[in-house]
C-alpha cells in the first residue's frame, strides 16, 4: 500500500474538487465507523462505476460529483483479499480525524490515497 506522490493530475483534480463537496459527510462517516466499533480503520472506496466494496454512501448523481463514494473498513478489505498485510496497512494508515483514506478505483489507477480534511 502506498500514497503515490505521482498521483496523476487528472485524478488529483477531480478528487480534490469532489472532496470539497463530500468531506464533511466522509469525516462524519469515519467518526461513526470508529465510534460504533466497526473498525478503527475506515476506508472510502471511490469509483466512477458501481463497486462491490462497502456500502454506497454518496452517489455521483446525489451531489453532482464525478465519483461514487462508498463506506468500508480494513476488515472488509482483508476479507476481499484487497489488503493482505494488515500490519503494513495499519502502519501506513494516517490519523482518521485528520485524513480521509480513499481507495480510488478507475481503469488506469487503483490505489489508496490519504487526503487531509479541510480545516474547520
N, C-alpha and C. Protein backbone atom coordinates (compact mmCIF):
# COMPACT_ATOMS: atom_id res chain seq x y z
N UNK A 1 0.84 -1.18 0.00
CA UNK A 1 0.00 0.00 0.00
C UNK A 1 0.88 1.23 0.00
N UNK A 2 0.51 2.19 -0.79
CA UNK A 2 1.23 3.46 -0.72
C UNK A 2 0.33 4.60 -1.11
N UNK A 3 0.76 5.78 -0.75
CA UNK A 3 0.07 7.00 -1.12
C UNK A 3 0.92 7.61 -2.21
N UNK A 4 0.65 7.24 -3.43
CA UNK A 4 1.51 7.55 -4.57
C UNK A 4 1.65 9.05 -4.78
N UNK A 5 2.89 9.58 -4.61
CA UNK A 5 3.08 11.01 -4.85
C UNK A 5 2.94 11.36 -6.32
N UNK A 6 2.94 10.34 -7.17
CA UNK A 6 2.81 10.56 -8.61
C UNK A 6 1.35 10.48 -9.05
N UNK A 7 0.45 10.80 -8.15
CA UNK A 7 -0.97 10.76 -8.47
C UNK A 7 -1.23 11.63 -9.69
N UNK A 8 -1.72 11.01 -10.71
CA UNK A 8 -1.98 11.68 -11.98
C UNK A 8 -2.85 12.92 -11.77
N UNK A 9 -2.50 14.00 -12.43
CA UNK A 9 -3.23 15.25 -12.31
C UNK A 9 -4.71 15.12 -12.60
N UNK A 10 -5.06 14.24 -13.54
CA UNK A 10 -6.49 14.07 -13.86
C UNK A 10 -7.25 13.54 -12.67
N UNK A 11 -6.63 12.67 -11.88
CA UNK A 11 -7.28 12.16 -10.68
C UNK A 11 -7.26 13.19 -9.58
N UNK A 12 -6.13 13.80 -9.38
CA UNK A 12 -6.00 14.78 -8.31
C UNK A 12 -7.02 15.90 -8.45
N UNK A 13 -7.22 16.38 -9.66
CA UNK A 13 -8.18 17.47 -9.89
C UNK A 13 -9.60 17.08 -9.57
N UNK A 14 -10.05 15.95 -10.09
CA UNK A 14 -11.45 15.55 -9.86
C UNK A 14 -11.67 15.12 -8.42
N UNK A 15 -10.67 14.45 -7.83
CA UNK A 15 -10.82 14.02 -6.44
C UNK A 15 -10.86 15.23 -5.52
N UNK A 16 -9.98 16.19 -5.74
CA UNK A 16 -9.93 17.38 -4.90
C UNK A 16 -11.22 18.20 -5.02
N UNK A 17 -11.72 18.34 -6.24
CA UNK A 17 -12.97 19.09 -6.46
C UNK A 17 -14.13 18.39 -5.75
N UNK A 18 -14.25 17.10 -5.92
CA UNK A 18 -15.29 16.33 -5.24
C UNK A 18 -15.14 16.39 -3.73
N UNK A 19 -13.90 16.27 -3.27
CA UNK A 19 -13.64 16.17 -1.84
C UNK A 19 -14.15 17.40 -1.10
N UNK A 20 -14.07 18.54 -1.74
CA UNK A 20 -14.59 19.77 -1.12
C UNK A 20 -16.08 19.64 -0.84
N UNK A 21 -16.79 18.91 -1.68
CA UNK A 21 -18.24 18.73 -1.53
C UNK A 21 -18.60 17.64 -0.51
N UNK A 22 -17.80 16.60 -0.44
CA UNK A 22 -18.18 15.42 0.35
C UNK A 22 -17.39 15.24 1.64
N UNK A 23 -16.40 16.08 1.90
CA UNK A 23 -15.50 15.86 3.04
C UNK A 23 -16.23 15.82 4.37
N UNK A 24 -17.21 16.68 4.59
CA UNK A 24 -17.93 16.68 5.87
C UNK A 24 -18.67 15.35 6.07
N UNK A 25 -19.30 14.85 5.01
CA UNK A 25 -20.03 13.59 5.09
C UNK A 25 -19.06 12.43 5.36
N UNK A 26 -17.92 12.42 4.67
CA UNK A 26 -16.94 11.35 4.87
C UNK A 26 -16.33 11.41 6.26
N UNK A 27 -16.07 12.61 6.75
CA UNK A 27 -15.50 12.75 8.09
C UNK A 27 -16.47 12.23 9.15
N UNK A 28 -17.75 12.55 8.99
CA UNK A 28 -18.76 12.06 9.93
C UNK A 28 -18.89 10.54 9.82
N UNK A 29 -18.87 10.01 8.61
CA UNK A 29 -18.97 8.56 8.43
C UNK A 29 -17.76 7.86 9.06
N UNK A 30 -16.58 8.44 8.91
CA UNK A 30 -15.38 7.90 9.52
C UNK A 30 -15.54 7.85 11.04
N UNK A 31 -16.03 8.93 11.59
CA UNK A 31 -16.24 9.00 13.04
C UNK A 31 -17.24 7.92 13.50
N UNK A 32 -18.34 7.78 12.77
CA UNK A 32 -19.37 6.79 13.14
C UNK A 32 -18.85 5.35 13.02
N UNK A 33 -18.07 5.07 11.98
CA UNK A 33 -17.50 3.73 11.82
C UNK A 33 -16.62 3.39 13.03
N UNK A 34 -15.85 4.36 13.49
CA UNK A 34 -14.97 4.14 14.63
C UNK A 34 -15.75 4.12 15.95
N UNK A 35 -16.66 5.07 16.11
CA UNK A 35 -17.44 5.17 17.35
C UNK A 35 -18.29 3.93 17.59
N UNK A 36 -18.87 3.39 16.53
CA UNK A 36 -19.75 2.23 16.67
C UNK A 36 -19.00 0.90 16.73
N UNK A 37 -17.68 0.98 16.68
CA UNK A 37 -16.86 -0.20 16.86
C UNK A 37 -16.71 -1.10 15.65
N UNK A 38 -17.06 -0.61 14.46
CA UNK A 38 -16.87 -1.42 13.26
C UNK A 38 -15.39 -1.62 12.97
N UNK A 39 -14.61 -0.53 13.08
CA UNK A 39 -13.18 -0.61 12.79
C UNK A 39 -12.52 0.71 13.13
N UNK A 40 -11.27 0.66 13.58
CA UNK A 40 -10.52 1.91 13.75
C UNK A 40 -9.90 2.38 12.42
N UNK A 41 -10.17 1.64 11.33
CA UNK A 41 -9.56 1.94 10.03
C UNK A 41 -10.60 2.09 8.93
N UNK A 42 -11.35 3.21 8.93
CA UNK A 42 -12.33 3.44 7.86
C UNK A 42 -11.62 3.64 6.51
N UNK A 43 -12.24 3.12 5.48
CA UNK A 43 -11.74 3.28 4.11
C UNK A 43 -12.94 3.66 3.25
N UNK A 44 -12.72 4.62 2.34
CA UNK A 44 -13.79 5.07 1.46
C UNK A 44 -13.42 4.78 0.01
N UNK A 45 -13.92 3.64 -0.51
CA UNK A 45 -13.70 3.35 -1.93
C UNK A 45 -14.42 4.38 -2.79
N UNK A 46 -13.77 4.83 -3.84
CA UNK A 46 -14.38 5.76 -4.77
C UNK A 46 -14.19 5.24 -6.19
N UNK A 47 -15.23 5.39 -6.99
CA UNK A 47 -15.20 4.89 -8.36
C UNK A 47 -16.24 5.63 -9.18
N UNK A 48 -16.01 5.69 -10.47
CA UNK A 48 -16.99 6.30 -11.37
C UNK A 48 -18.09 5.31 -11.74
N UNK A 49 -17.84 4.03 -11.47
CA UNK A 49 -18.83 2.99 -11.74
C UNK A 49 -19.18 2.31 -10.41
N UNK A 50 -20.14 1.41 -10.44
CA UNK A 50 -20.55 0.69 -9.23
C UNK A 50 -19.42 -0.22 -8.75
N UNK A 51 -19.29 -0.32 -7.43
CA UNK A 51 -18.28 -1.18 -6.82
C UNK A 51 -18.95 -2.18 -5.88
N UNK A 52 -18.39 -3.38 -5.80
CA UNK A 52 -18.92 -4.35 -4.84
C UNK A 52 -18.20 -4.29 -3.50
N UNK A 53 -17.71 -3.11 -3.14
CA UNK A 53 -16.96 -2.94 -1.90
C UNK A 53 -17.71 -1.94 -1.02
N UNK A 54 -18.00 -2.31 0.19
CA UNK A 54 -18.64 -1.39 1.12
C UNK A 54 -20.08 -1.10 0.74
N UNK A 55 -20.56 0.00 1.31
CA UNK A 55 -21.94 0.43 1.04
C UNK A 55 -21.89 1.81 0.42
N UNK A 56 -22.74 2.04 -0.58
CA UNK A 56 -22.78 3.34 -1.23
C UNK A 56 -23.17 4.40 -0.20
N UNK A 57 -22.34 5.41 -0.09
CA UNK A 57 -22.57 6.50 0.85
C UNK A 57 -23.09 7.73 0.11
N UNK A 58 -22.42 8.07 -0.99
CA UNK A 58 -22.81 9.22 -1.81
C UNK A 58 -22.68 8.82 -3.28
N UNK A 59 -23.80 8.79 -3.96
CA UNK A 59 -23.79 8.51 -5.40
C UNK A 59 -23.42 9.77 -6.16
N UNK A 60 -22.76 9.60 -7.29
CA UNK A 60 -22.29 10.77 -8.05
C UNK A 60 -23.42 11.67 -8.53
N UNK A 61 -24.63 11.14 -8.62
CA UNK A 61 -25.75 11.98 -9.06
C UNK A 61 -26.42 12.71 -7.89
N UNK A 62 -26.15 12.25 -6.67
CA UNK A 62 -26.76 12.88 -5.49
C UNK A 62 -26.21 14.28 -5.24
N UNK A 63 -24.91 14.43 -5.41
CA UNK A 63 -24.27 15.71 -5.10
C UNK A 63 -23.52 16.27 -6.31
N UNK A 64 -23.83 15.76 -7.49
CA UNK A 64 -23.17 16.21 -8.72
C UNK A 64 -21.65 16.09 -8.63
N UNK A 65 -21.20 14.92 -8.16
CA UNK A 65 -19.77 14.64 -8.09
C UNK A 65 -19.36 13.75 -9.26
N UNK A 66 -18.08 13.64 -9.48
CA UNK A 66 -17.56 12.79 -10.55
C UNK A 66 -17.51 11.33 -10.07
N UNK A 67 -17.31 11.14 -8.78
CA UNK A 67 -17.09 9.82 -8.21
C UNK A 67 -18.26 9.40 -7.32
N UNK A 68 -18.46 8.08 -7.21
CA UNK A 68 -19.33 7.48 -6.21
C UNK A 68 -18.48 7.21 -4.98
N UNK A 69 -19.01 7.43 -3.80
CA UNK A 69 -18.29 7.23 -2.55
C UNK A 69 -18.95 6.13 -1.73
N UNK A 70 -18.15 5.16 -1.34
CA UNK A 70 -18.62 4.02 -0.56
C UNK A 70 -17.97 4.08 0.82
N UNK A 71 -18.60 3.47 1.80
CA UNK A 71 -18.03 3.38 3.15
C UNK A 71 -17.65 1.93 3.42
N UNK A 72 -16.43 1.74 3.89
CA UNK A 72 -15.94 0.42 4.22
C UNK A 72 -14.89 0.55 5.32
N UNK A 73 -14.16 -0.54 5.55
CA UNK A 73 -13.11 -0.53 6.58
C UNK A 73 -12.14 -1.67 6.31
N UNK A 74 -11.02 -1.61 6.99
CA UNK A 74 -9.92 -2.55 6.75
C UNK A 74 -10.35 -4.00 6.76
N UNK A 75 -11.16 -4.40 7.72
CA UNK A 75 -11.52 -5.81 7.85
C UNK A 75 -12.25 -6.33 6.60
N UNK A 76 -13.07 -5.51 5.97
CA UNK A 76 -13.72 -5.93 4.73
C UNK A 76 -12.67 -6.08 3.62
N UNK A 77 -11.71 -5.18 3.58
CA UNK A 77 -10.65 -5.26 2.57
C UNK A 77 -9.82 -6.53 2.77
N UNK A 78 -9.63 -6.93 4.02
CA UNK A 78 -8.92 -8.19 4.29
C UNK A 78 -9.75 -9.38 3.81
N UNK A 79 -11.05 -9.37 4.09
CA UNK A 79 -11.92 -10.47 3.66
C UNK A 79 -11.93 -10.60 2.14
N UNK A 80 -11.89 -9.48 1.45
CA UNK A 80 -11.91 -9.48 -0.02
C UNK A 80 -10.52 -9.67 -0.63
N UNK A 81 -9.53 -9.84 0.23
CA UNK A 81 -8.14 -10.05 -0.19
C UNK A 81 -7.58 -8.84 -0.95
N UNK A 82 -8.09 -7.65 -0.63
CA UNK A 82 -7.56 -6.42 -1.23
C UNK A 82 -6.40 -5.88 -0.41
N UNK A 83 -6.36 -6.27 0.87
CA UNK A 83 -5.22 -5.97 1.75
C UNK A 83 -4.80 -7.30 2.34
N UNK A 84 -3.57 -7.70 2.03
CA UNK A 84 -3.08 -8.97 2.54
C UNK A 84 -2.18 -8.81 3.75
N UNK A 85 -1.53 -7.66 3.88
CA UNK A 85 -0.64 -7.42 5.01
C UNK A 85 -1.23 -6.30 5.86
N UNK A 86 -2.14 -6.66 6.74
CA UNK A 86 -2.85 -5.68 7.56
C UNK A 86 -1.90 -4.86 8.42
N UNK A 87 -0.84 -5.47 8.93
CA UNK A 87 0.10 -4.74 9.77
C UNK A 87 0.78 -3.61 9.00
N UNK A 88 1.14 -3.87 7.77
CA UNK A 88 1.76 -2.85 6.92
C UNK A 88 0.76 -1.73 6.65
N UNK A 89 -0.47 -2.11 6.36
CA UNK A 89 -1.52 -1.12 6.12
C UNK A 89 -1.71 -0.24 7.35
N UNK A 90 -1.80 -0.86 8.52
CA UNK A 90 -2.02 -0.12 9.76
C UNK A 90 -0.88 0.86 10.05
N UNK A 91 0.34 0.48 9.72
CA UNK A 91 1.49 1.38 9.93
C UNK A 91 1.43 2.58 8.99
N UNK A 92 0.93 2.39 7.79
CA UNK A 92 0.86 3.47 6.81
C UNK A 92 -0.39 4.33 6.97
N UNK A 93 -1.38 3.81 7.68
CA UNK A 93 -2.66 4.50 7.84
C UNK A 93 -2.46 5.80 8.63
N UNK A 94 -3.07 6.87 8.15
CA UNK A 94 -2.92 8.16 8.81
C UNK A 94 -4.09 8.44 9.75
N UNK A 95 -3.90 9.34 10.66
CA UNK A 95 -4.90 9.70 11.67
C UNK A 95 -6.26 9.97 11.01
N UNK A 96 -7.29 9.14 11.31
CA UNK A 96 -8.58 9.29 10.66
C UNK A 96 -9.35 10.54 11.07
N UNK A 97 -8.90 11.24 12.11
CA UNK A 97 -9.52 12.52 12.45
C UNK A 97 -9.00 13.64 11.55
N UNK A 98 -7.85 13.41 10.94
CA UNK A 98 -7.22 14.43 10.11
C UNK A 98 -7.19 14.08 8.63
N UNK A 99 -7.16 12.78 8.32
CA UNK A 99 -7.03 12.34 6.92
C UNK A 99 -8.14 11.36 6.55
N UNK A 100 -8.56 11.45 5.31
CA UNK A 100 -9.54 10.51 4.76
C UNK A 100 -8.78 9.50 3.92
N UNK A 101 -9.03 8.22 4.17
CA UNK A 101 -8.41 7.15 3.39
C UNK A 101 -9.36 6.77 2.25
N UNK A 102 -8.97 7.17 1.04
CA UNK A 102 -9.75 6.83 -0.15
C UNK A 102 -9.09 5.64 -0.85
N UNK A 103 -9.90 4.76 -1.38
CA UNK A 103 -9.41 3.69 -2.24
C UNK A 103 -9.95 4.00 -3.62
N UNK A 104 -9.11 4.60 -4.45
CA UNK A 104 -9.52 5.09 -5.77
C UNK A 104 -9.45 3.94 -6.77
N UNK A 105 -10.57 3.68 -7.44
CA UNK A 105 -10.64 2.61 -8.42
C UNK A 105 -11.08 3.21 -9.76
N UNK A 106 -10.19 3.13 -10.74
CA UNK A 106 -10.50 3.59 -12.09
C UNK A 106 -9.76 2.68 -13.07
N UNK A 107 -10.00 2.86 -14.34
CA UNK A 107 -9.41 1.96 -15.33
C UNK A 107 -7.88 2.00 -15.33
N UNK A 108 -7.29 3.17 -15.13
CA UNK A 108 -5.83 3.31 -15.19
C UNK A 108 -5.16 3.42 -13.83
N UNK A 109 -5.94 3.45 -12.75
CA UNK A 109 -5.36 3.74 -11.45
C UNK A 109 -6.20 3.08 -10.37
N UNK A 110 -5.56 2.32 -9.51
CA UNK A 110 -6.21 1.76 -8.33
C UNK A 110 -5.21 1.85 -7.19
N UNK A 111 -5.54 2.62 -6.16
CA UNK A 111 -4.60 2.80 -5.07
C UNK A 111 -5.27 3.48 -3.88
N UNK A 112 -4.63 3.38 -2.75
CA UNK A 112 -5.05 4.12 -1.56
C UNK A 112 -4.46 5.52 -1.63
N UNK A 113 -5.27 6.50 -1.25
CA UNK A 113 -4.84 7.89 -1.23
C UNK A 113 -5.35 8.51 0.07
N UNK A 114 -4.46 9.17 0.78
CA UNK A 114 -4.86 9.87 2.00
C UNK A 114 -4.96 11.35 1.70
N UNK A 115 -6.13 11.92 1.98
CA UNK A 115 -6.37 13.35 1.72
C UNK A 115 -6.73 14.01 3.05
N UNK A 116 -6.07 15.12 3.37
CA UNK A 116 -6.41 15.80 4.63
C UNK A 116 -7.80 16.43 4.55
N UNK A 117 -8.53 16.31 5.65
CA UNK A 117 -9.81 17.01 5.73
C UNK A 117 -9.55 18.50 5.80
N UNK A 118 -10.44 19.31 5.24
CA UNK A 118 -10.28 20.77 5.35
C UNK A 118 -10.32 21.20 6.82
N UNK A 119 -9.59 22.22 7.12
CA UNK A 119 -9.60 22.77 8.49
C UNK A 119 -10.96 23.41 8.72
N UNK A 120 -11.47 23.28 9.93
CA UNK A 120 -12.79 23.86 10.26
C UNK A 120 -12.76 25.36 10.24
